[in-house]
C-alpha atoms as a PDB file:
ATOM      1  CA  MET A   1    -115.508  -2.085 -22.286  1.00  0.00           C
ATOM      2  CA  ALA A   2    -118.718  -3.579 -23.669  1.00  0.00           C
ATOM      3  CA  LYS A   3    -119.682  -0.303 -25.355  1.00  0.00           C
ATOM      4  CA  ASP A   4    -117.129  -0.756 -28.119  1.00  0.00           C
ATOM      5  CA  ARG A   5    -118.453  -4.208 -29.125  1.00  0.00           C
ATOM      6  CA  VAL A   6    -121.375  -5.111 -31.374  1.00  0.00           C
ATOM      7  CA  ILE A   7    -122.985  -8.440 -32.347  1.00  0.00           C
ATOM      8  CA  SER A   8    -122.731  -9.310 -36.023  1.00  0.00           C
ATOM      9  CA  HIS A   9    -124.381 -12.231 -37.800  1.00  0.00           C
ATOM     10  CA  LEU A  10    -123.082 -14.523 -40.522  1.00  0.00           C
ATOM     11  CA  SER A  11    -125.709 -15.305 -43.140  1.00  0.00           C
ATOM     12  CA  CYS A  12    -125.595 -17.899 -45.892  1.00  0.00           C
ATOM     13  CA  GLU A  13    -125.067 -16.587 -49.424  1.00  0.00           C
ATOM     14  CA  LYS A  14    -127.479 -19.152 -50.962  1.00  0.00           C
ATOM     15  CA  CYS A  15    -130.509 -19.160 -48.664  1.00  0.00           C
ATOM     16  CA  ARG A  16    -129.828 -15.957 -46.618  1.00  0.00           C
ATOM     17  CA  MET A  17    -130.377 -17.778 -43.302  1.00  0.00           C
ATOM     18  CA  ARG A  18    -128.533 -16.273 -40.320  1.00  0.00           C
ATOM     19  CA  ASN A  19    -126.663 -19.243 -38.861  1.00  0.00           C
ATOM     20  CA  TYR A  20    -123.829 -17.842 -36.749  1.00  0.00           C
ATOM     21  CA  THR A  21    -123.210 -14.846 -34.459  1.00  0.00           C
ATOM     22  CA  GLN A  22    -120.002 -13.212 -33.310  1.00  0.00           C
ATOM     23  CA  VAL A  23    -118.944 -10.237 -31.206  1.00  0.00           C
ATOM     24  CA  VAL A  24    -116.718  -7.702 -32.986  1.00  0.00           C
ATOM     25  CA  THR A  25    -115.369  -4.234 -32.207  1.00  0.00           C
ATOM     26  CA  ARG A  26    -117.119  -1.155 -33.566  1.00  0.00           C
ATOM     27  CA  GLN A  27    -113.959   0.178 -35.228  1.00  0.00           C
ATOM     28  CA  ARG A  28    -113.908  -2.707 -37.713  1.00  0.00           C
ATOM     29  CA  LYS A  29    -115.930  -2.172 -40.872  1.00  0.00           C
ATOM     30  CA  LEU A  30    -118.923  -4.558 -41.054  1.00  0.00           C
ATOM     31  CA  GLY A  31    -119.569  -6.587 -44.178  1.00  0.00           C
ATOM     32  CA  ASP A  32    -115.948  -7.431 -44.973  1.00  0.00           C
ATOM     33  CA  LEU A  33    -115.801 -10.913 -43.477  1.00  0.00           C
ATOM     34  CA  LYS A  34    -116.624 -13.932 -45.660  1.00  0.00           C
ATOM     35  CA  LEU A  35    -116.140 -17.468 -44.335  1.00  0.00           C
ATOM     36  CA  SER A  36    -116.949 -20.953 -45.546  1.00  0.00           C
ATOM     37  CA  LYS A  37    -119.286 -22.432 -42.915  1.00  0.00           C
ATOM     38  CA  TYR A  38    -121.825 -25.250 -42.717  1.00  0.00           C
ATOM     39  CA  CYS A  39    -125.440 -24.257 -43.427  1.00  0.00           C
ATOM     40  CA  SER A  40    -128.057 -26.517 -41.848  1.00  0.00           C
ATOM     41  CA  ARG A  41    -130.753 -25.491 -44.322  1.00  0.00           C
ATOM     42  CA  CYS A  42    -128.609 -26.092 -47.435  1.00  0.00           C
ATOM     43  CA  ARG A  43    -126.879 -29.076 -45.773  1.00  0.00           C
ATOM     44  CA  GLU A  44    -123.481 -28.179 -47.215  1.00  0.00           C
ATOM     45  CA  HIS A  45    -120.567 -25.835 -46.700  1.00  0.00           C
ATOM     46  CA  THR A  46    -121.362 -22.476 -48.286  1.00  0.00           C
ATOM     47  CA  LEU A  47    -119.935 -18.989 -48.184  1.00  0.00           C
ATOM     48  CA  HIS A  48    -121.262 -16.932 -45.246  1.00  0.00           C
ATOM     49  CA  LYS A  49    -121.171 -13.145 -45.323  1.00  0.00           C
ATOM     50  CA  GLU A  50    -121.136 -10.852 -42.316  1.00  0.00           C
ATOM     51  CA  THR A  51    -124.305  -8.809 -41.690  1.00  0.00           C
ATOM     52  CA  LYS A  52    -125.348  -6.519 -38.871  1.00  0.00           C
END
């Protein structure tokens, strides 16, 4: 069951800091997810892109 899951990171578009992690299935294509999250380095809500 755990073999089909991988940890992906969400990194800020402005400063490229990896702020958040999430567990996703391997069948889903990485890099598609973009969310507006709070970045502690930028101190504002910015767009976060999914990275491996």
